[in-house]
Amino acid sequence: MSYSVNWITQLVSIPDTDLTLVSGTHYRLNMFTFLIEIRRLEANDGLWAPQIVEHTNPKINFAGADYAGFDKIINGYKIIFTGNLTRVDLIGSNNNIADIFISNGVSVVPSNSAGLQKVSIGSGVTPQDVIDIAVKSRDVLLSTENYP
């Protein structure tokens, strides 16, 4: 990987060669890969510097919905994407990169929030829900049988 960090100016540079090409000048950044590379840079060169990313658990339960984890760029760091690119899609986590990146003509498209909910297999309807729905349906049907 060719990420680089200027530890003094707190600028993280990510070249297009480290992104996944979608088509033309449209690229994708996998946030899991991003986190691994940032941790590698911190361990090799930046032990003395403030941490770059605050990473939460892979799943956050908020208001009854399970959301993907969050990668928050902290301590004043900024991100810049370099090379021949016009769009970068961020996939795999909720994050704040769109809020802190240095705009140089690149559109950054996060896939935050509802698009990153962790969903159980199936509808999430429990066996008790099925029974409750059947009973309620029967009660409604019985209460309206006498009405045309």
N, C-alpha and C. Protein backbone atom coordinates (compact mmCIF):
# COMPACT_ATOMS: atom_id res chain seq x y z
N MET A 1 0.84 -1.18 0.00
CA MET A 1 0.00 0.00 0.00
C MET A 1 0.88 1.24 0.00
N SER A 2 0.35 2.28 -0.59
CA SER A 2 1.12 3.52 -0.74
C SER A 2 0.53 4.69 0.03
N TYR A 3 -0.35 4.41 1.00
CA TYR A 3 -0.84 5.51 1.82
C TYR A 3 0.36 6.22 2.42
N SER A 4 0.20 7.50 2.66
CA SER A 4 1.25 8.21 3.38
C SER A 4 0.60 9.18 4.35
N VAL A 5 1.33 9.48 5.43
CA VAL A 5 0.84 10.41 6.44
C VAL A 5 1.91 11.44 6.71
N ASN A 6 1.54 12.69 6.65
CA ASN A 6 2.42 13.74 7.12
C ASN A 6 1.99 13.96 8.58
N TRP A 7 2.78 13.46 9.51
CA TRP A 7 2.41 13.46 10.92
C TRP A 7 2.36 14.86 11.50
N ILE A 8 3.08 15.80 10.90
CA ILE A 8 3.10 17.17 11.41
C ILE A 8 1.85 17.93 10.96
N THR A 9 1.53 17.87 9.66
CA THR A 9 0.35 18.58 9.15
C THR A 9 -0.93 17.75 9.30
N GLN A 10 -0.78 16.50 9.71
CA GLN A 10 -1.89 15.57 9.93
C GLN A 10 -2.71 15.36 8.65
N LEU A 11 -2.00 15.11 7.57
CA LEU A 11 -2.63 14.86 6.28
C LEU A 11 -2.35 13.43 5.84
N VAL A 12 -3.41 12.67 5.59
CA VAL A 12 -3.31 11.30 5.11
C VAL A 12 -3.60 11.33 3.62
N SER A 13 -2.65 10.87 2.80
CA SER A 13 -2.81 10.83 1.34
C SER A 13 -3.10 9.40 0.90
N ILE A 14 -4.15 9.25 0.11
CA ILE A 14 -4.52 7.93 -0.41
C ILE A 14 -4.51 8.01 -1.93
N PRO A 15 -3.56 7.31 -2.58
CA PRO A 15 -3.48 7.36 -4.04
C PRO A 15 -4.53 6.46 -4.70
N ASP A 16 -4.86 6.78 -5.94
CA ASP A 16 -5.85 5.98 -6.67
C ASP A 16 -5.37 4.54 -6.87
N THR A 17 -4.07 4.31 -6.84
CA THR A 17 -3.55 2.95 -7.02
C THR A 17 -3.91 2.02 -5.86
N ASP A 18 -4.30 2.60 -4.71
CA ASP A 18 -4.70 1.82 -3.55
C ASP A 18 -6.22 1.71 -3.43
N LEU A 19 -6.92 2.13 -4.43
CA LEU A 19 -8.38 2.04 -4.45
C LEU A 19 -8.80 0.99 -5.47
N THR A 20 -10.04 0.54 -5.38
CA THR A 20 -10.58 -0.42 -6.34
C THR A 20 -11.25 0.34 -7.47
N LEU A 21 -10.80 0.09 -8.68
CA LEU A 21 -11.37 0.75 -9.85
C LEU A 21 -12.77 0.20 -10.12
N VAL A 22 -13.74 1.10 -10.25
CA VAL A 22 -15.10 0.71 -10.64
C VAL A 22 -15.21 0.86 -12.14
N SER A 23 -14.93 2.06 -12.65
CA SER A 23 -14.86 2.31 -14.10
C SER A 23 -14.35 3.72 -14.32
N GLY A 24 -13.60 3.91 -15.38
CA GLY A 24 -13.08 5.23 -15.72
C GLY A 24 -12.28 5.84 -14.59
N THR A 25 -12.83 6.92 -14.00
CA THR A 25 -12.18 7.59 -12.87
C THR A 25 -13.01 7.43 -11.59
N HIS A 26 -13.84 6.42 -11.56
CA HIS A 26 -14.70 6.10 -10.42
C HIS A 26 -14.06 4.95 -9.64
N TYR A 27 -13.79 5.18 -8.35
CA TYR A 27 -13.10 4.21 -7.51
C TYR A 27 -13.90 3.90 -6.26
N ARG A 28 -13.47 2.87 -5.55
CA ARG A 28 -14.11 2.44 -4.31
C ARG A 28 -13.03 2.22 -3.26
N LEU A 29 -13.32 2.68 -2.02
CA LEU A 29 -12.43 2.46 -0.89
C LEU A 29 -13.14 1.58 0.12
N ASN A 30 -12.58 0.40 0.37
CA ASN A 30 -13.10 -0.49 1.39
C ASN A 30 -12.57 0.01 2.73
N MET A 31 -13.48 0.35 3.63
CA MET A 31 -13.06 0.94 4.90
C MET A 31 -12.32 -0.04 5.81
N PHE A 32 -12.54 -1.33 5.63
CA PHE A 32 -11.78 -2.32 6.40
C PHE A 32 -10.31 -2.28 5.97
N THR A 33 -10.09 -2.22 4.67
CA THR A 33 -8.73 -2.10 4.14
C THR A 33 -8.09 -0.80 4.60
N PHE A 34 -8.87 0.27 4.57
CA PHE A 34 -8.40 1.58 5.03
C PHE A 34 -7.93 1.50 6.49
N LEU A 35 -8.76 0.91 7.35
CA LEU A 35 -8.41 0.81 8.77
C LEU A 35 -7.14 0.01 8.98
N ILE A 36 -7.00 -1.11 8.28
CA ILE A 36 -5.78 -1.93 8.41
C ILE A 36 -4.55 -1.12 8.01
N GLU A 37 -4.64 -0.40 6.90
CA GLU A 37 -3.49 0.38 6.43
C GLU A 37 -3.15 1.52 7.39
N ILE A 38 -4.18 2.18 7.92
CA ILE A 38 -3.93 3.26 8.89
C ILE A 38 -3.25 2.70 10.14
N ARG A 39 -3.73 1.58 10.63
CA ARG A 39 -3.13 0.96 11.83
C ARG A 39 -1.67 0.56 11.56
N ARG A 40 -1.39 0.09 10.34
CA ARG A 40 -0.02 -0.27 9.98
C ARG A 40 0.88 0.96 10.01
N LEU A 41 0.38 2.07 9.42
CA LEU A 41 1.17 3.31 9.42
C LEU A 41 1.40 3.82 10.84
N GLU A 42 0.36 3.76 11.66
CA GLU A 42 0.50 4.21 13.05
C GLU A 42 1.54 3.36 13.80
N ALA A 43 1.51 2.06 13.58
CA ALA A 43 2.44 1.16 14.28
C ALA A 43 3.87 1.31 13.79
N ASN A 44 4.05 1.54 12.49
CA ASN A 44 5.40 1.62 11.93
C ASN A 44 6.05 2.98 12.09
N ASP A 45 5.29 4.04 11.84
CA ASP A 45 5.89 5.37 11.80
C ASP A 45 5.33 6.35 12.82
N GLY A 46 4.12 6.11 13.29
CA GLY A 46 3.44 7.15 14.06
C GLY A 46 3.12 6.83 15.49
N LEU A 47 3.94 5.98 16.12
CA LEU A 47 3.66 5.66 17.53
C LEU A 47 3.67 6.89 18.41
N TRP A 48 4.45 7.89 18.04
CA TRP A 48 4.56 9.10 18.84
C TRP A 48 3.44 10.10 18.55
N ALA A 49 2.71 9.91 17.44
CA ALA A 49 1.71 10.87 16.99
C ALA A 49 0.32 10.51 17.52
N PRO A 50 -0.59 11.49 17.52
CA PRO A 50 -1.97 11.18 17.93
C PRO A 50 -2.61 10.17 16.97
N GLN A 51 -3.51 9.39 17.50
CA GLN A 51 -4.22 8.38 16.72
C GLN A 51 -5.01 9.03 15.59
N ILE A 52 -5.15 8.32 14.47
CA ILE A 52 -5.85 8.85 13.29
C ILE A 52 -7.32 8.47 13.29
N VAL A 53 -7.61 7.19 13.57
CA VAL A 53 -8.97 6.67 13.44
C VAL A 53 -9.46 6.09 14.76
N GLU A 54 -10.68 6.46 15.12
CA GLU A 54 -11.36 5.82 16.24
C GLU A 54 -12.34 4.83 15.63
N HIS A 55 -12.13 3.55 15.89
CA HIS A 55 -12.95 2.49 15.29
C HIS A 55 -13.85 1.88 16.34
N THR A 56 -15.17 1.82 16.07
CA THR A 56 -16.09 1.20 17.01
C THR A 56 -16.22 -0.28 16.70
N ASN A 57 -16.98 -0.97 17.51
CA ASN A 57 -17.26 -2.38 17.27
C ASN A 57 -17.93 -2.54 15.91
N PRO A 58 -17.89 -3.75 15.36
CA PRO A 58 -18.48 -3.95 14.04
C PRO A 58 -19.98 -3.77 13.98
N LYS A 59 -20.65 -3.69 15.13
CA LYS A 59 -22.10 -3.53 15.09
C LYS A 59 -22.52 -2.63 16.24
N ILE A 60 -23.39 -1.66 15.96
CA ILE A 60 -23.90 -0.75 16.97
C ILE A 60 -25.42 -0.85 16.95
N ASN A 61 -26.03 -1.12 18.11
CA ASN A 61 -27.49 -1.13 18.18
C ASN A 61 -27.92 0.26 18.57
N PHE A 62 -28.69 0.90 17.69
CA PHE A 62 -29.17 2.24 17.93
C PHE A 62 -30.64 2.30 17.56
N ALA A 63 -31.49 2.63 18.51
CA ALA A 63 -32.93 2.76 18.29
C ALA A 63 -33.53 1.50 17.68
N GLY A 64 -33.05 0.35 18.12
CA GLY A 64 -33.62 -0.91 17.68
C GLY A 64 -33.08 -1.44 16.37
N ALA A 65 -32.19 -0.72 15.73
CA ALA A 65 -31.60 -1.18 14.47
C ALA A 65 -30.11 -1.43 14.68
N ASP A 66 -29.60 -2.47 14.05
CA ASP A 66 -28.18 -2.78 14.15
C ASP A 66 -27.46 -2.12 12.97
N TYR A 67 -26.55 -1.21 13.29
CA TYR A 67 -25.80 -0.50 12.27
C TYR A 67 -24.37 -1.02 12.20
N ALA A 68 -23.78 -0.88 11.02
CA ALA A 68 -22.36 -1.22 10.87
C ALA A 68 -21.53 -0.32 11.78
N GLY A 69 -20.32 -0.74 12.06
CA GLY A 69 -19.44 0.03 12.92
C GLY A 69 -19.13 1.41 12.34
N PHE A 70 -18.42 2.22 13.11
CA PHE A 70 -18.13 3.59 12.71
C PHE A 70 -16.63 3.82 12.75
N ASP A 71 -16.10 4.40 11.69
CA ASP A 71 -14.70 4.81 11.63
C ASP A 71 -14.68 6.33 11.61
N LYS A 72 -14.20 6.91 12.70
CA LYS A 72 -14.18 8.37 12.83
C LYS A 72 -12.74 8.86 12.78
N ILE A 73 -12.48 9.75 11.83
CA ILE A 73 -11.16 10.38 11.73
C ILE A 73 -11.11 11.42 12.84
N ILE A 74 -10.08 11.33 13.70
CA ILE A 74 -10.02 12.18 14.89
C ILE A 74 -8.71 12.96 14.94
N ASN A 75 -8.61 13.79 15.95
CA ASN A 75 -7.39 14.54 16.28
C ASN A 75 -6.93 15.48 15.17
N GLY A 76 -7.86 15.98 14.38
CA GLY A 76 -7.52 16.98 13.37
C GLY A 76 -6.98 16.46 12.06
N TYR A 77 -6.92 15.15 11.87
CA TYR A 77 -6.41 14.60 10.62
C TYR A 77 -7.38 14.88 9.48
N LYS A 78 -6.83 15.03 8.31
CA LYS A 78 -7.58 15.22 7.07
C LYS A 78 -7.16 14.14 6.08
N ILE A 79 -8.05 13.84 5.15
CA ILE A 79 -7.79 12.83 4.12
C ILE A 79 -7.76 13.53 2.77
N ILE A 80 -6.84 13.14 1.91
CA ILE A 80 -6.84 13.62 0.52
C ILE A 80 -6.66 12.41 -0.39
N PHE A 81 -7.45 12.37 -1.44
CA PHE A 81 -7.32 11.32 -2.45
C PHE A 81 -6.54 11.90 -3.61
N THR A 82 -5.53 11.17 -4.09
CA THR A 82 -4.67 11.68 -5.14
C THR A 82 -4.71 10.76 -6.36
N GLY A 83 -4.37 11.31 -7.50
CA GLY A 83 -4.31 10.54 -8.73
C GLY A 83 -5.43 10.94 -9.67
N ASN A 84 -5.65 10.11 -10.66
CA ASN A 84 -6.64 10.39 -11.71
C ASN A 84 -7.99 9.81 -11.30
N LEU A 85 -8.69 10.53 -10.42
CA LEU A 85 -10.00 10.06 -9.99
C LEU A 85 -10.95 11.22 -9.81
N THR A 86 -12.24 10.94 -9.97
CA THR A 86 -13.26 11.96 -9.79
C THR A 86 -14.29 11.58 -8.74
N ARG A 87 -14.38 10.27 -8.44
CA ARG A 87 -15.36 9.82 -7.45
C ARG A 87 -14.78 8.65 -6.66
N VAL A 88 -15.01 8.69 -5.33
CA VAL A 88 -14.61 7.60 -4.45
C VAL A 88 -15.81 7.22 -3.60
N ASP A 89 -16.25 5.97 -3.73
CA ASP A 89 -17.32 5.44 -2.89
C ASP A 89 -16.68 4.79 -1.67
N LEU A 90 -17.17 5.12 -0.48
CA LEU A 90 -16.66 4.55 0.76
C LEU A 90 -17.60 3.43 1.18
N ILE A 91 -17.08 2.22 1.30
CA ILE A 91 -17.95 1.08 1.62
C ILE A 91 -17.44 0.35 2.87
N GLY A 92 -18.38 -0.23 3.61
CA GLY A 92 -18.01 -1.12 4.70
C GLY A 92 -18.12 -0.58 6.10
N SER A 93 -18.33 0.72 6.28
CA SER A 93 -18.53 1.26 7.62
C SER A 93 -19.19 2.62 7.50
N ASN A 94 -19.81 3.04 8.57
CA ASN A 94 -20.23 4.43 8.69
C ASN A 94 -18.96 5.21 9.01
N ASN A 95 -18.83 6.41 8.47
CA ASN A 95 -17.60 7.17 8.71
C ASN A 95 -17.84 8.65 8.51
N ASN A 96 -16.86 9.45 8.87
CA ASN A 96 -16.96 10.90 8.72
C ASN A 96 -16.00 11.46 7.67
N ILE A 97 -15.52 10.63 6.79
CA ILE A 97 -14.53 11.08 5.80
C ILE A 97 -15.09 12.17 4.89
N ALA A 98 -16.35 12.07 4.52
CA ALA A 98 -16.93 13.11 3.66
C ALA A 98 -16.92 14.48 4.34
N ASP A 99 -16.87 14.50 5.67
CA ASP A 99 -16.87 15.75 6.40
C ASP A 99 -15.48 16.35 6.57
N ILE A 100 -14.43 15.54 6.46
CA ILE A 100 -13.09 16.05 6.79
C ILE A 100 -12.08 15.95 5.64
N PHE A 101 -12.49 15.39 4.49
CA PHE A 101 -11.50 15.24 3.42
C PHE A 101 -11.24 16.58 2.75
N ILE A 102 -10.06 16.70 2.16
CA ILE A 102 -9.69 17.92 1.45
C ILE A 102 -10.18 17.78 0.02
N SER A 103 -11.06 18.66 -0.37
CA SER A 103 -11.67 18.60 -1.69
C SER A 103 -10.68 19.08 -2.76
N ASN A 104 -10.40 18.21 -3.69
CA ASN A 104 -9.52 18.55 -4.81
C ASN A 104 -10.17 18.10 -6.12
N GLY A 105 -11.49 18.25 -6.19
CA GLY A 105 -12.22 17.85 -7.39
C GLY A 105 -12.76 16.43 -7.32
N VAL A 106 -12.50 15.73 -6.21
CA VAL A 106 -12.97 14.36 -6.05
C VAL A 106 -14.27 14.37 -5.25
N SER A 107 -15.27 13.65 -5.75
CA SER A 107 -16.51 13.48 -5.00
C SER A 107 -16.36 12.25 -4.11
N VAL A 108 -16.62 12.41 -2.83
CA VAL A 108 -16.57 11.30 -1.88
C VAL A 108 -18.00 10.94 -1.52
N VAL A 109 -18.35 9.68 -1.73
CA VAL A 109 -19.72 9.21 -1.53
C VAL A 109 -19.73 8.16 -0.41
N PRO A 110 -20.13 8.57 0.80
CA PRO A 110 -20.18 7.58 1.89
C PRO A 110 -21.45 6.74 1.77
N SER A 111 -21.41 5.56 2.35
CA SER A 111 -22.61 4.71 2.38
C SER A 111 -23.03 4.57 3.83
N ASN A 112 -23.27 5.70 4.48
CA ASN A 112 -23.56 5.73 5.91
C ASN A 112 -25.00 5.39 6.23
N SER A 113 -25.24 5.12 7.48
CA SER A 113 -26.54 5.00 8.13
C SER A 113 -27.35 3.83 7.64
N ALA A 114 -28.58 4.09 7.19
CA ALA A 114 -29.51 3.00 6.88
C ALA A 114 -28.96 2.06 5.82
N GLY A 115 -28.12 2.57 4.96
CA GLY A 115 -27.54 1.71 3.94
C GLY A 115 -26.57 0.70 4.52
N LEU A 116 -26.19 0.89 5.76
CA LEU A 116 -25.24 -0.04 6.38
C LEU A 116 -25.82 -0.70 7.62
N GLN A 117 -27.10 -0.98 7.60
CA GLN A 117 -27.68 -1.72 8.71
C GLN A 117 -27.32 -3.19 8.59
N LYS A 118 -27.07 -3.81 9.71
CA LYS A 118 -26.83 -5.24 9.77
C LYS A 118 -28.20 -5.90 9.94
N VAL A 119 -28.58 -6.75 9.01
CA VAL A 119 -29.91 -7.35 9.02
C VAL A 119 -29.80 -8.85 9.20
N SER A 120 -30.69 -9.40 10.03
CA SER A 120 -30.75 -10.85 10.22
C SER A 120 -31.25 -11.49 8.94
N ILE A 121 -30.96 -12.78 8.81
CA ILE A 121 -31.50 -13.52 7.68
C ILE A 121 -33.00 -13.58 7.85
N GLY A 122 -33.73 -13.38 6.78
CA GLY A 122 -35.19 -13.40 6.86
C GLY A 122 -35.74 -12.05 7.25
N SER A 123 -37.00 -12.05 7.64
CA SER A 123 -37.69 -10.80 7.92
C SER A 123 -37.49 -10.31 9.34
N GLY A 124 -37.02 -11.17 10.22
CA GLY A 124 -36.90 -10.79 11.61
C GLY A 124 -38.15 -11.09 12.41
N VAL A 125 -39.17 -11.67 11.75
CA VAL A 125 -40.40 -12.04 12.43
C VAL A 125 -40.13 -13.30 13.25
N THR A 126 -40.45 -13.25 14.54
CA THR A 126 -40.22 -14.39 15.43
C THR A 126 -41.41 -15.35 15.38
N PRO A 127 -41.23 -16.59 15.84
CA PRO A 127 -42.36 -17.52 15.91
C PRO A 127 -43.52 -16.96 16.73
N GLN A 128 -43.22 -16.24 17.81
CA GLN A 128 -44.30 -15.65 18.60
C GLN A 128 -45.03 -14.56 17.80
N ASP A 129 -44.29 -13.82 16.97
CA ASP A 129 -44.93 -12.83 16.11
C ASP A 129 -45.94 -13.49 15.17
N VAL A 130 -45.59 -14.63 14.62
CA VAL A 130 -46.47 -15.36 13.71
C VAL A 130 -47.76 -15.73 14.43
N ILE A 131 -47.64 -16.24 15.66
CA ILE A 131 -48.82 -16.61 16.44
C ILE A 131 -49.67 -15.38 16.73
N ASP A 132 -49.02 -14.28 17.16
CA ASP A 132 -49.76 -13.06 17.48
C ASP A 132 -50.48 -12.50 16.26
N ILE A 133 -49.85 -12.55 15.11
CA ILE A 133 -50.48 -12.06 13.87
C ILE A 133 -51.68 -12.93 13.51
N ALA A 134 -51.52 -14.25 13.64
CA ALA A 134 -52.62 -15.17 13.33
C ALA A 134 -53.81 -14.93 14.25
N VAL A 135 -53.56 -14.76 15.54
CA VAL A 135 -54.63 -14.51 16.51
C VAL A 135 -55.32 -13.20 16.20
N LYS A 136 -54.54 -12.16 15.94
CA LYS A 136 -55.12 -10.85 15.63
C LYS A 136 -55.93 -10.90 14.35
N SER A 137 -55.43 -11.59 13.33
CA SER A 137 -56.16 -11.72 12.07
C SER A 137 -57.48 -12.45 12.29
N ARG A 138 -57.45 -13.52 13.08
CA ARG A 138 -58.67 -14.28 13.38
C ARG A 138 -59.67 -13.39 14.11
N ASP A 139 -59.20 -12.62 15.10
CA ASP A 139 -60.08 -11.74 15.87
C ASP A 139 -60.71 -10.69 14.97
N VAL A 140 -59.94 -10.13 14.05
CA VAL A 140 -60.48 -9.13 13.13
C VAL A 140 -61.51 -9.77 12.21
N LEU A 141 -61.19 -10.94 11.70
CA LEU A 141 -62.11 -11.65 10.82
C LEU A 141 -63.42 -11.97 11.54
N LEU A 142 -63.34 -12.48 12.77
CA LEU A 142 -64.54 -12.83 13.53
C LEU A 142 -65.36 -11.60 13.87
N SER A 143 -64.72 -10.48 14.14
CA SER A 143 -65.45 -9.27 14.51
C SER A 143 -66.14 -8.64 13.33
N THR A 144 -65.74 -8.97 12.10
CA THR A 144 -66.36 -8.35 10.92
C THR A 144 -67.25 -9.32 10.14
N GLU A 145 -67.42 -10.56 10.63
CA GLU A 145 -68.23 -11.53 9.90
C GLU A 145 -69.70 -11.12 9.82
N ASN A 146 -70.19 -10.43 10.80
CA ASN A 146 -71.60 -10.06 10.82
C ASN A 146 -71.90 -8.79 10.03
N TYR A 147 -70.88 -8.20 9.47
CA TYR A 147 -71.06 -6.96 8.73
C TYR A 147 -70.80 -7.19 7.25
N PRO A 148 -71.71 -6.66 6.41
CA PRO A 148 -71.53 -6.86 4.96
C PRO A 148 -70.33 -6.11 4.41
